[in-house]
Protein backbone atom coordinates (compact mmCIF):
# COMPACT_ATOMS: atom_id res chain seq x y z
CA MET A 1 75.74 126.10 98.89
CA SER A 2 76.52 126.99 95.28
CA GLU A 3 75.58 124.74 92.43
CA GLU A 4 78.30 122.17 91.86
CA LYS A 5 80.00 121.87 88.50
CA SER A 6 81.36 118.43 87.90
CA ARG A 7 83.91 117.57 85.27
CA PRO A 8 85.09 114.07 84.61
CA LEU A 9 88.58 113.08 85.65
CA THR A 10 91.09 112.57 82.88
CA LEU A 11 92.56 109.10 82.49
CA LEU A 12 95.83 110.27 84.01
CA ASP A 13 94.00 111.82 86.98
CA GLU A 14 92.14 108.56 87.54
CA MET A 15 95.43 106.70 87.52
CA VAL A 16 97.27 108.98 89.99
CA SER A 17 94.48 110.24 92.23
CA ASP A 18 93.23 107.55 94.59
CA ASP A 19 90.38 107.84 97.08
CA SER A 20 92.54 109.39 99.79
CA VAL A 21 93.58 112.24 97.50
CA GLN A 22 89.99 112.84 96.44
CA ILE A 23 88.88 112.87 100.08
CA LEU A 24 91.53 115.47 100.91
CA LYS A 25 90.38 117.62 97.99
CA ALA A 26 86.72 117.25 98.96
CA ALA A 27 87.53 118.30 102.54
CA PHE A 28 89.37 121.43 101.35
CA PRO A 29 86.48 123.93 101.84
CA TYR A 30 85.88 122.65 105.38
CA ILE A 31 89.47 123.07 106.54
CA PRO A 32 90.41 126.30 108.36
CA LYS A 33 91.89 128.84 105.94
CA GLU A 34 95.29 128.80 107.61
CA ASN A 35 95.64 125.04 106.90
CA ARG A 36 94.38 124.99 103.31
CA GLN A 37 97.73 125.72 101.70
CA LEU A 38 99.38 122.78 103.48
CA LEU A 39 96.46 120.47 102.63
CA SER A 40 96.59 121.50 98.98
CA VAL A 41 100.34 120.94 98.74
CA TYR A 42 100.00 117.57 100.48
CA ALA A 43 97.28 116.43 98.03
CA LYS A 44 99.46 117.43 95.08
CA PHE A 45 102.45 115.70 96.66
CA LEU A 46 100.46 112.47 96.92
CA GLU A 47 99.46 112.76 93.26
CA LEU A 48 103.09 113.37 92.28
CA GLN A 49 104.18 110.37 94.34
CA ASN A 50 101.52 108.23 92.62
CA THR A 51 102.66 109.55 89.23
CA PHE A 52 106.25 108.50 89.89
CA ALA A 53 105.06 105.09 91.05
CA LEU A 54 102.92 104.73 87.93
CA PHE A 55 105.83 105.35 85.59
CA LEU A 56 108.24 103.22 87.60
CA GLU A 57 105.90 100.24 87.65
CA ASN A 58 106.13 97.93 84.70
CA THR A 59 102.64 96.45 85.02
CA GLY A 60 101.13 97.54 81.73
CA ASN A 61 98.69 99.95 83.41
CA LEU A 62 100.29 102.75 81.44
CA SER A 63 99.30 101.30 78.09
CA ALA A 64 95.97 103.11 78.27
CA CYS A 65 97.86 106.40 78.30
CA GLU A 66 100.21 105.60 75.44
CA ALA A 67 100.02 107.83 72.42
CA ILE A 68 97.45 106.93 69.81
CA GLU A 69 99.15 105.95 66.56
CA ASP A 70 96.66 107.53 64.15
CA THR A 71 96.27 111.01 65.57
CA ASP A 72 92.99 112.60 64.65
CA PRO A 73 92.78 116.26 65.66
CA THR A 74 88.99 116.14 65.61
CA GLN A 75 88.89 113.21 68.05
CA MET A 76 91.54 114.78 70.25
CA LEU A 77 89.62 118.09 70.45
CA THR A 78 86.38 116.22 71.16
CA ASP A 79 88.04 114.34 74.01
CA ILE A 80 89.68 117.48 75.43
CA ARG A 81 86.38 119.40 75.22
CA ARG A 82 84.87 117.26 78.02
CA TYR A 83 87.31 118.76 80.53
CA CYS A 84 86.88 122.42 79.59
CA SER A 85 84.81 125.30 80.85
CA PRO A 86 81.71 126.25 78.82
CA SER A 87 83.48 129.18 77.15
CA THR A 88 86.41 127.01 76.11
CA GLN A 89 83.98 124.34 74.89
CA THR A 90 82.38 126.97 72.65
CA GLN A 91 85.79 127.85 71.21
CA ILE A 92 86.55 124.19 70.58
CA ASP A 93 83.15 123.76 68.92
CA ARG A 94 84.01 126.61 66.55
CA LEU A 95 87.36 125.03 65.79
CA LEU A 96 85.70 121.66 65.15
CA GLU A 97 83.24 123.33 62.78
CA THR A 98 86.15 124.98 60.96
CA LEU A 99 87.96 121.64 60.67
CA ALA A 100 84.81 120.00 59.31
CA THR A 101 84.47 122.78 56.72
CA VAL A 102 88.11 122.38 55.66
CA GLN A 103 87.68 118.60 55.36
CA MET A 104 84.56 119.08 53.26
CA PHE A 105 86.38 121.55 51.03
CA GLU A 106 89.29 119.11 50.61
CA MET A 107 86.87 116.32 49.66
CA LEU A 108 85.27 118.58 47.03
CA GLN A 109 88.70 119.44 45.63
CA GLU A 110 89.63 115.75 45.40
CA ALA A 111 86.35 114.97 43.62
CA LYS A 112 87.18 117.38 40.76
């Protein structure tokens, strides 16, 4: 078996993907090829159904997904980076380095 790559679930995925959906996804490689398309669509349907239920509920569970008031591009890119492939992570790292350089330059300009 090939080496497994594991990425963390996003907060939204955690909220809409319960155990049954994860079990269906984990079983995917073991299902006969002719049934995989149906299984995949069914798993996505369950997630969509859970998404609708999440937004229709008024329980406050959604507050964790509400927009952050003080948007910080550096923090956002750092958070997004966790879910990316290694090549995309490298690109984000370069962008973060560029942002840090720009911020340092701005601080030097303000100090003059």
